[in-house]
PDB file of N, CA and C in Angstrom:
ATOM      1  N   MET A   1       0.850  -1.180   0.000  1.00  0.00           N
ATOM      2  CA  MET A   1       0.000   0.000   0.000  1.00  0.00           C
ATOM      3  C   MET A   1       0.892   1.238   0.000  1.00  0.00           C
ATOM      4  N   ASN A   2       0.530   2.216  -0.800  1.00  0.00           N
ATOM      5  CA  ASN A   2       1.233   3.487  -0.887  1.00  0.00           C
ATOM      6  C   ASN A   2       0.867   4.348   0.318  1.00  0.00           C
ATOM      7  N   TRP A   3       1.865   4.690   1.162  1.00  0.00           N
ATOM      8  CA  TRP A   3       1.621   5.516   2.348  1.00  0.00           C
ATOM      9  C   TRP A   3       2.290   6.867   2.202  1.00  0.00           C
ATOM     10  N   GLN A   4       1.575   7.900   2.607  1.00  0.00           N
ATOM     11  CA  GLN A   4       2.092   9.261   2.665  1.00  0.00           C
ATOM     12  C   GLN A   4       1.905   9.759   4.100  1.00  0.00           C
ATOM     13  N   HIS A   5       2.841  10.575   4.583  1.00  0.00           N
ATOM     14  CA  HIS A   5       2.778  11.082   5.953  1.00  0.00           C
ATOM     15  C   HIS A   5       3.152  12.564   5.963  1.00  0.00           C
ATOM     16  N   CYS A   6       2.640  13.278   6.934  1.00  0.00           N
ATOM     17  CA  CYS A   6       3.076  14.662   7.137  1.00  0.00           C
ATOM     18  C   CYS A   6       2.848  15.050   8.593  1.00  0.00           C
ATOM     19  N   SER A   7       3.669  15.970   9.054  1.00  0.00           N
ATOM     20  CA  SER A   7       3.513  16.552  10.386  1.00  0.00           C
ATOM     21  C   SER A   7       3.035  17.979  10.215  1.00  0.00           C
ATOM     22  N   LEU A   8       2.158  18.423  11.105  1.00  0.00           N
ATOM     23  CA  LEU A   8       1.643  19.778  11.028  1.00  0.00           C
ATOM     24  C   LEU A   8       1.046  20.187  12.352  1.00  0.00           C
ATOM     25  N   LEU A   9       0.699  21.457  12.446  1.00  0.00           N
ATOM     26  CA  LEU A   9       0.031  21.985  13.622  1.00  0.00           C
ATOM     27  C   LEU A   9      -1.438  22.199  13.296  1.00  0.00           C
ATOM     28  N   VAL A  10      -2.309  21.913  14.255  1.00  0.00           N
ATOM     29  CA  VAL A  10      -3.729  22.191  14.087  1.00  0.00           C
ATOM     30  C   VAL A  10      -3.870  23.702  14.001  1.00  0.00           C
ATOM     31  N   GLY A  11      -4.426  24.185  12.900  1.00  0.00           N
ATOM     32  CA  GLY A  11      -4.513  25.621  12.681  1.00  0.00           C
ATOM     33  C   GLY A  11      -5.892  26.206  12.935  1.00  0.00           C
ATOM     34  N   ASN A  12      -6.909  25.373  12.886  1.00  0.00           N
ATOM     35  CA  ASN A  12      -8.269  25.854  13.093  1.00  0.00           C
ATOM     36  C   ASN A  12      -8.388  26.405  14.503  1.00  0.00           C
ATOM     37  N   GLU A  13      -8.938  27.613  14.642  1.00  0.00           N
ATOM     38  CA  GLU A  13      -8.996  28.244  15.968  1.00  0.00           C
ATOM     39  C   GLU A  13      -9.864  27.469  16.957  1.00  0.00           C
ATOM     40  N   ARG A  14     -10.775  26.632  16.464  1.00  0.00           N
ATOM     41  CA  ARG A  14     -11.589  25.795  17.359  1.00  0.00           C
ATOM     42  C   ARG A  14     -11.032  24.381  17.477  1.00  0.00           C
ATOM     43  N   GLY A  15      -9.852  24.147  16.916  1.00  0.00           N
ATOM     44  CA  GLY A  15      -9.241  22.831  16.975  1.00  0.00           C
ATOM     45  C   GLY A  15      -9.950  21.865  16.040  1.00  0.00           C
ATOM     46  N   VAL A  16      -9.773  20.591  16.310  1.00  0.00           N
ATOM     47  CA  VAL A  16     -10.438  19.563  15.511  1.00  0.00           C
ATOM     48  C   VAL A  16     -11.771  19.275  16.183  1.00  0.00           C
ATOM     49  N   HIS A  17     -12.801  19.954  15.696  1.00  0.00           N
ATOM     50  CA  HIS A  17     -14.155  19.838  16.243  1.00  0.00           C
ATOM     51  C   HIS A  17     -14.982  18.939  15.323  1.00  0.00           C
ATOM     52  N   GLY A  18     -16.265  18.872  15.546  1.00  0.00           N
ATOM     53  CA  GLY A  18     -17.138  17.955  14.821  1.00  0.00           C
ATOM     54  C   GLY A  18     -17.109  18.094  13.317  1.00  0.00           C
ATOM     55  N   ARG A  19     -17.142  19.328  12.805  1.00  0.00           N
ATOM     56  CA  ARG A  19     -17.138  19.525  11.353  1.00  0.00           C
ATOM     57  C   ARG A  19     -15.827  19.046  10.742  1.00  0.00           C
ATOM     58  N   VAL A  20     -14.714  19.342  11.401  1.00  0.00           N
ATOM     59  CA  VAL A  20     -13.407  18.927  10.904  1.00  0.00           C
ATOM     60  C   VAL A  20     -13.297  17.402  10.930  1.00  0.00           C
ATOM     61  N   ALA A  21     -13.694  16.782  12.026  1.00  0.00           N
ATOM     62  CA  ALA A  21     -13.636  15.324  12.136  1.00  0.00           C
ATOM     63  C   ALA A  21     -14.516  14.661  11.081  1.00  0.00           C
ATOM     64  N   THR A  22     -15.692  15.225  10.848  1.00  0.00           N
ATOM     65  CA  THR A  22     -16.594  14.686   9.829  1.00  0.00           C
ATOM     66  C   THR A  22     -15.971  14.816   8.448  1.00  0.00           C
ATOM     67  N   ARG A  23     -15.355  15.958   8.179  1.00  0.00           N
ATOM     68  CA  ARG A  23     -14.723  16.171   6.873  1.00  0.00           C
ATOM     69  C   ARG A  23     -13.568  15.203   6.657  1.00  0.00           C
ATOM     70  N   LEU A  24     -12.809  14.884   7.705  1.00  0.00           N
ATOM     71  CA  LEU A  24     -11.723  13.911   7.572  1.00  0.00           C
ATOM     72  C   LEU A  24     -12.279  12.532   7.194  1.00  0.00           C
ATOM     73  N   ALA A  25     -13.374  12.142   7.812  1.00  0.00           N
ATOM     74  CA  ALA A  25     -14.008  10.855   7.468  1.00  0.00           C
ATOM     75  C   ALA A  25     -14.489  10.882   6.018  1.00  0.00           C
ATOM     76  N   GLU A  26     -15.031  12.009   5.583  1.00  0.00           N
ATOM     77  CA  GLU A  26     -15.503  12.145   4.199  1.00  0.00           C
ATOM     78  C   GLU A  26     -14.344  12.060   3.214  1.00  0.00           C
ATOM     79  N   ILE A  27     -13.217  12.659   3.548  1.00  0.00           N
ATOM     80  CA  ILE A  27     -12.038  12.614   2.678  1.00  0.00           C
ATOM     81  C   ILE A  27     -11.561  11.173   2.514  1.00  0.00           C
ATOM     82  N   ALA A  28     -11.501  10.428   3.616  1.00  0.00           N
ATOM     83  CA  ALA A  28     -11.077   9.028   3.541  1.00  0.00           C
ATOM     84  C   ALA A  28     -11.985   8.242   2.592  1.00  0.00           C
ATOM     85  N   ALA A  29     -13.293   8.448   2.700  1.00  0.00           N
ATOM     86  CA  ALA A  29     -14.241   7.741   1.840  1.00  0.00           C
ATOM     87  C   ALA A  29     -14.153   8.226   0.393  1.00  0.00           C
ATOM     88  N   GLU A  30     -14.063   9.534   0.217  1.00  0.00           N
ATOM     89  CA  GLU A  30     -14.020  10.131  -1.122  1.00  0.00           C
ATOM     90  C   GLU A  30     -12.830   9.633  -1.939  1.00  0.00           C
ATOM     91  N   TYR A  31     -11.667   9.539  -1.299  1.00  0.00           N
ATOM     92  CA  TYR A  31     -10.460   9.115  -2.002  1.00  0.00           C
ATOM     93  C   TYR A  31     -10.199   7.604  -1.885  1.00  0.00           C
ATOM     94  N   GLY A  32     -10.995   6.909  -1.106  1.00  0.00           N
ATOM     95  CA  GLY A  32     -10.825   5.462  -0.947  1.00  0.00           C
ATOM     96  C   GLY A  32      -9.508   5.092  -0.290  1.00  0.00           C
ATOM     97  N   VAL A  33      -9.138   5.840   0.750  1.00  0.00           N
ATOM     98  CA  VAL A  33      -7.860   5.608   1.432  1.00  0.00           C
ATOM     99  C   VAL A  33      -8.089   5.309   2.910  1.00  0.00           C
ATOM    100  N   LEU A  34      -7.063   4.772   3.536  1.00  0.00           N
ATOM    101  CA  LEU A  34      -7.034   4.653   4.983  1.00  0.00           C
ATOM    102  C   LEU A  34      -6.385   5.937   5.473  1.00  0.00           C
ATOM    103  N   LEU A  35      -7.114   6.735   6.232  1.00  0.00           N
ATOM    104  CA  LEU A  35      -6.622   8.018   6.730  1.00  0.00           C
ATOM    105  C   LEU A  35      -6.555   7.935   8.245  1.00  0.00           C
ATOM    106  N   GLN A  36      -5.388   8.262   8.790  1.00  0.00           N
ATOM    107  CA  GLN A  36      -5.182   8.209  10.234  1.00  0.00           C
ATOM    108  C   GLN A  36      -4.607   9.536  10.715  1.00  0.00           C
ATOM    109  N   ILE A  37      -4.846   9.802  11.990  1.00  0.00           N
ATOM    110  CA  ILE A  37      -4.297  11.000  12.623  1.00  0.00           C
ATOM    111  C   ILE A  37      -3.639  10.570  13.932  1.00  0.00           C
ATOM    112  N   SER A  38      -2.454  11.125  14.203  1.00  0.00           N
ATOM    113  CA  SER A  38      -1.692  10.753  15.398  1.00  0.00           C
ATOM    114  C   SER A  38      -1.326  11.989  16.199  1.00  0.00           C
ATOM    115  N   ARG A  39      -1.374  11.815  17.513  1.00  0.00           N
ATOM    116  CA  ARG A  39      -0.824  12.800  18.453  1.00  0.00           C
ATOM    117  C   ARG A  39      -0.002  11.999  19.438  1.00  0.00           C
ATOM    118  N   GLY A  40       1.271  12.309  19.508  1.00  0.00           N
ATOM    119  CA  GLY A  40       2.156  11.517  20.366  1.00  0.00           C
ATOM    120  C   GLY A  40       2.175  10.080  19.892  1.00  0.00           C
ATOM    121  N   ASP A  41       1.930   9.156  20.813  1.00  0.00           N
ATOM    122  CA  ASP A  41       1.945   7.737  20.443  1.00  0.00           C
ATOM    123  C   ASP A  41       0.542   7.181  20.210  1.00  0.00           C
ATOM    124  N   GLU A  42      -0.452   8.051  20.141  1.00  0.00           N
ATOM    125  CA  GLU A  42      -1.837   7.617  19.918  1.00  0.00           C
ATOM    126  C   GLU A  42      -2.242   7.897  18.474  1.00  0.00           C
ATOM    127  N   THR A  43      -2.703   6.848  17.776  1.00  0.00           N
ATOM    128  CA  THR A  43      -3.133   6.956  16.385  1.00  0.00           C
ATOM    129  C   THR A  43      -4.545   6.432  16.264  1.00  0.00           C
ATOM    130  N   VAL A  44      -5.395   7.188  15.557  1.00  0.00           N
ATOM    131  CA  VAL A  44      -6.777   6.742  15.333  1.00  0.00           C
ATOM    132  C   VAL A  44      -7.111   6.825  13.853  1.00  0.00           C
ATOM    133  N   ASP A  45      -8.082   6.032  13.463  1.00  0.00           N
ATOM    134  CA  ASP A  45      -8.589   6.012  12.102  1.00  0.00           C
ATOM    135  C   ASP A  45      -9.600   7.146  11.952  1.00  0.00           C
ATOM    136  N   CYS A  46      -9.425   7.962  10.930  1.00  0.00           N
ATOM    137  CA  CYS A  46     -10.305   9.114  10.731  1.00  0.00           C
ATOM    138  C   CYS A  46     -11.715   8.726  10.304  1.00  0.00           C
ATOM    139  N   SER A  47     -11.948   7.468   9.979  1.00  0.00           N
ATOM    140  CA  SER A  47     -13.314   7.058   9.653  1.00  0.00           C
ATOM    141  C   SER A  47     -14.185   7.014  10.906  1.00  0.00           C
ATOM    142  N   SER A  48     -13.552   7.029  12.085  1.00  0.00           N
ATOM    143  CA  SER A  48     -14.287   7.088  13.343  1.00  0.00           C
ATOM    144  C   SER A  48     -14.253   8.523  13.879  1.00  0.00           C
ATOM    145  N   ILE A  49     -15.323   9.249  13.645  1.00  0.00           N
ATOM    146  CA  ILE A  49     -15.404  10.640  14.076  1.00  0.00           C
ATOM    147  C   ILE A  49     -15.215  10.753  15.585  1.00  0.00           C
ATOM    148  N   LEU A  50     -15.806   9.834  16.336  1.00  0.00           N
ATOM    149  CA  LEU A  50     -15.674   9.886  17.800  1.00  0.00           C
ATOM    150  C   LEU A  50     -14.238   9.667  18.252  1.00  0.00           C
ATOM    151  N   ASP A  51     -13.517   8.759  17.578  1.00  0.00           N
ATOM    152  CA  ASP A  51     -12.113   8.527  17.937  1.00  0.00           C
ATOM    153  C   ASP A  51     -11.277   9.777  17.663  1.00  0.00           C
ATOM    154  N   VAL A  52     -11.551  10.458  16.547  1.00  0.00           N
ATOM    155  CA  VAL A  52     -10.822  11.687  16.227  1.00  0.00           C
ATOM    156  C   VAL A  52     -11.122  12.752  17.275  1.00  0.00           C
ATOM    157  N   LEU A  53     -12.393  12.918  17.627  1.00  0.00           N
ATOM    158  CA  LEU A  53     -12.764  13.906  18.641  1.00  0.00           C
ATOM    159  C   LEU A  53     -12.153  13.581  20.001  1.00  0.00           C
ATOM    160  N   ALA A  54     -12.015  12.297  20.310  1.00  0.00           N
ATOM    161  CA  ALA A  54     -11.459  11.884  21.601  1.00  0.00           C
ATOM    162  C   ALA A  54      -9.996  12.312  21.770  1.00  0.00           C
ATOM    163  N   LEU A  55      -9.307  12.586  20.664  1.00  0.00           N
ATOM    164  CA  LEU A  55      -7.926  13.064  20.763  1.00  0.00           C
ATOM    165  C   LEU A  55      -7.860  14.477  21.342  1.00  0.00           C
ATOM    166  N   ALA A  56      -8.992  15.194  21.356  1.00  0.00           N
ATOM    167  CA  ALA A  56      -9.086  16.554  21.916  1.00  0.00           C
ATOM    168  C   ALA A  56      -7.986  17.459  21.369  1.00  0.00           C
ATOM    169  N   LEU A  57      -7.939  17.594  20.062  1.00  0.00           N
ATOM    170  CA  LEU A  57      -6.900  18.368  19.394  1.00  0.00           C
ATOM    171  C   LEU A  57      -7.283  19.839  19.321  1.00  0.00           C
ATOM    172  N   VAL A  58      -6.541  20.667  20.044  1.00  0.00           N
ATOM    173  CA  VAL A  58      -6.794  22.109  20.067  1.00  0.00           C
ATOM    174  C   VAL A  58      -5.812  22.814  19.131  1.00  0.00           C
ATOM    175  N   GLN A  59      -6.116  24.066  18.832  1.00  0.00           N
ATOM    176  CA  GLN A  59      -5.254  24.846  17.956  1.00  0.00           C
ATOM    177  C   GLN A  59      -3.823  24.837  18.494  1.00  0.00           C
ATOM    178  N   GLY A  60      -2.868  24.608  17.596  1.00  0.00           N
ATOM    179  CA  GLY A  60      -1.461  24.589  17.961  1.00  0.00           C
ATOM    180  C   GLY A  60      -0.916  23.216  18.301  1.00  0.00           C
ATOM    181  N   THR A  61      -1.780  22.201  18.406  1.00  0.00           N
ATOM    182  CA  THR A  61      -1.331  20.848  18.712  1.00  0.00           C
ATOM    183  C   THR A  61      -0.572  20.277  17.517  1.00  0.00           C
ATOM    184  N   GLU A  62       0.582  19.671  17.773  1.00  0.00           N
ATOM    185  CA  GLU A  62       1.346  19.021  16.710  1.00  0.00           C
ATOM    186  C   GLU A  62       0.780  17.623  16.480  1.00  0.00           C
ATOM    187  N   ILE A  63       0.475  17.334  15.218  1.00  0.00           N
ATOM    188  CA  ILE A  63      -0.075  16.026  14.852  1.00  0.00           C
ATOM    189  C   ILE A  63       0.655  15.480  13.636  1.00  0.00           C
ATOM    190  N   ARG A  64       0.363  14.210  13.331  1.00  0.00           N
ATOM    191  CA  ARG A  64       0.819  13.575  12.090  1.00  0.00           C
ATOM    192  C   ARG A  64      -0.394  13.012  11.393  1.00  0.00           C
ATOM    193  N   LEU A  65      -0.445  13.203  10.094  1.00  0.00           N
ATOM    194  CA  LEU A  65      -1.474  12.584   9.266  1.00  0.00           C
ATOM    195  C   LEU A  65      -0.827  11.481   8.459  1.00  0.00           C
ATOM    196  N   HIS A  66      -1.546  10.380   8.286  1.00  0.00           N
ATOM    197  CA  HIS A  66      -1.079   9.228   7.521  1.00  0.00           C
ATOM    198  C   HIS A  66      -2.189   8.852   6.550  1.00  0.00           C
ATOM    199  N   ALA A  67      -1.846   8.677   5.299  1.00  0.00           N
ATOM    200  CA  ALA A  67      -2.832   8.245   4.306  1.00  0.00           C
ATOM    201  C   ALA A  67      -2.242   7.089   3.520  1.00  0.00           C
ATOM    202  N   GLY A  68      -3.029   6.028   3.369  1.00  0.00           N
ATOM    203  CA  GLY A  68      -2.579   4.859   2.635  1.00  0.00           C
ATOM    204  C   GLY A  68      -3.574   4.478   1.559  1.00  0.00           C
ATOM    205  N   GLY A  69      -3.071   4.298   0.355  1.00  0.00           N
ATOM    206  CA  GLY A  69      -3.927   3.913  -0.754  1.00  0.00           C
ATOM    207  C   GLY A  69      -3.454   4.562  -2.037  1.00  0.00           C
ATOM    208  N   ASP A  70      -4.140   4.261  -3.138  1.00  0.00           N
ATOM    209  CA  ASP A  70      -3.739   4.767  -4.446  1.00  0.00           C
ATOM    210  C   ASP A  70      -3.797   6.292  -4.535  1.00  0.00           C
ATOM    211  N   LYS A  71      -4.712   6.914  -3.833  1.00  0.00           N
ATOM    212  CA  LYS A  71      -4.857   8.370  -3.881  1.00  0.00           C
ATOM    213  C   LYS A  71      -4.423   9.019  -2.567  1.00  0.00           C
ATOM    214  N   ALA A  72      -3.429   8.399  -1.919  1.00  0.00           N
ATOM    215  CA  ALA A  72      -2.975   8.866  -0.608  1.00  0.00           C
ATOM    216  C   ALA A  72      -2.475  10.303  -0.649  1.00  0.00           C
ATOM    217  N   GLU A  73      -1.725  10.664  -1.674  1.00  0.00           N
ATOM    218  CA  GLU A  73      -1.167  12.014  -1.733  1.00  0.00           C
ATOM    219  C   GLU A  73      -2.265  13.067  -1.839  1.00  0.00           C
ATOM    220  N   GLN A  74      -3.259  12.826  -2.679  1.00  0.00           N
ATOM    221  CA  GLN A  74      -4.362  13.766  -2.841  1.00  0.00           C
ATOM    222  C   GLN A  74      -5.182  13.872  -1.551  1.00  0.00           C
ATOM    223  N   ALA A  75      -5.441  12.734  -0.921  1.00  0.00           N
ATOM    224  CA  ALA A  75      -6.207  12.724   0.327  1.00  0.00           C
ATOM    225  C   ALA A  75      -5.454  13.469   1.421  1.00  0.00           C
ATOM    226  N   LEU A  76      -4.153  13.286   1.473  1.00  0.00           N
ATOM    227  CA  LEU A  76      -3.346  13.953   2.490  1.00  0.00           C
ATOM    228  C   LEU A  76      -3.377  15.470   2.310  1.00  0.00           C
ATOM    229  N   ARG A  77      -3.305  15.934   1.070  1.00  0.00           N
ATOM    230  CA  ARG A  77      -3.388  17.383   0.817  1.00  0.00           C
ATOM    231  C   ARG A  77      -4.738  17.930   1.271  1.00  0.00           C
ATOM    232  N   ALA A  78      -5.815  17.215   0.963  1.00  0.00           N
ATOM    233  CA  ALA A  78      -7.150  17.655   1.367  1.00  0.00           C
ATOM    234  C   ALA A  78      -7.280  17.668   2.888  1.00  0.00           C
ATOM    235  N   ALA A  79      -6.764  16.637   3.544  1.00  0.00           N
ATOM    236  CA  ALA A  79      -6.828  16.561   5.002  1.00  0.00           C
ATOM    237  C   ALA A  79      -6.013  17.668   5.658  1.00  0.00           C
ATOM    238  N   GLN A  80      -4.849  17.974   5.091  1.00  0.00           N
ATOM    239  CA  GLN A  80      -4.024  19.055   5.623  1.00  0.00           C
ATOM    240  C   GLN A  80      -4.783  20.374   5.582  1.00  0.00           C
ATOM    241  N   ALA A  81      -5.457  20.644   4.492  1.00  0.00           N
ATOM    242  CA  ALA A  81      -6.201  21.895   4.346  1.00  0.00           C
ATOM    243  C   ALA A  81      -7.296  21.998   5.408  1.00  0.00           C
ATOM    244  N   VAL A  82      -7.949  20.890   5.698  1.00  0.00           N
ATOM    245  CA  VAL A  82      -9.019  20.885   6.701  1.00  0.00           C
ATOM    246  C   VAL A  82      -8.454  21.140   8.101  1.00  0.00           C
ATOM    247  N   VAL A  83      -7.392  20.451   8.438  1.00  0.00           N
ATOM    248  CA  VAL A  83      -6.824  20.535   9.792  1.00  0.00           C
ATOM    249  C   VAL A  83      -6.165  21.895  10.051  1.00  0.00           C
ATOM    250  N   THR A  84      -5.567  22.471   9.019  1.00  0.00           N
ATOM    251  CA  THR A  84      -4.893  23.753   9.202  1.00  0.00           C
ATOM    252  C   THR A  84      -5.859  24.934   9.086  1.00  0.00           C
ATOM    253  N   GLY A  85      -7.113  24.659   8.710  1.00  0.00           N
ATOM    254  CA  GLY A  85      -8.104  25.714   8.593  1.00  0.00           C
ATOM    255  C   GLY A  85      -8.046  26.457   7.282  1.00  0.00           C
ATOM    256  N   GLN A  86      -7.399  25.881   6.269  1.00  0.00           N
ATOM    257  CA  GLN A  86      -7.241  26.545   4.977  1.00  0.00           C
ATOM    258  C   GLN A  86      -8.291  26.114   3.957  1.00  0.00           C
ATOM    259  N   ASP A  87      -9.284  25.356   4.387  1.00  0.00           N
ATOM    260  CA  ASP A  87     -10.296  24.878   3.445  1.00  0.00           C
ATOM    261  C   ASP A  87     -11.527  25.754   3.425  1.00  0.00           C
ATOM    262  N   ASP A  88     -11.587  26.764   4.276  1.00  0.00           N
ATOM    263  CA  ASP A  88     -12.785  27.622   4.361  1.00  0.00           C
ATOM    264  C   ASP A  88     -12.933  28.538   3.171  1.00  0.00           C
TER     265      ASP A  88
END
């Protein structure tokens, strides 16, 4: 499986809230990839909105995004835009 990774800071002033978590799940489905988000040593699958919300990611938190699949690079770019608040 083709994996892409990136590190970034949560840029959205409200952190990773319900709309952001929902959009991450939509991106995973839209691109047909496995999309994960990590903080420290905890990694969750973005298809689980509740698991993403449970990470309690506030603005400025350093995270890693992981995308695996044929369209991993495109999905990762879309996910980065959502998490950094640049998709509005």
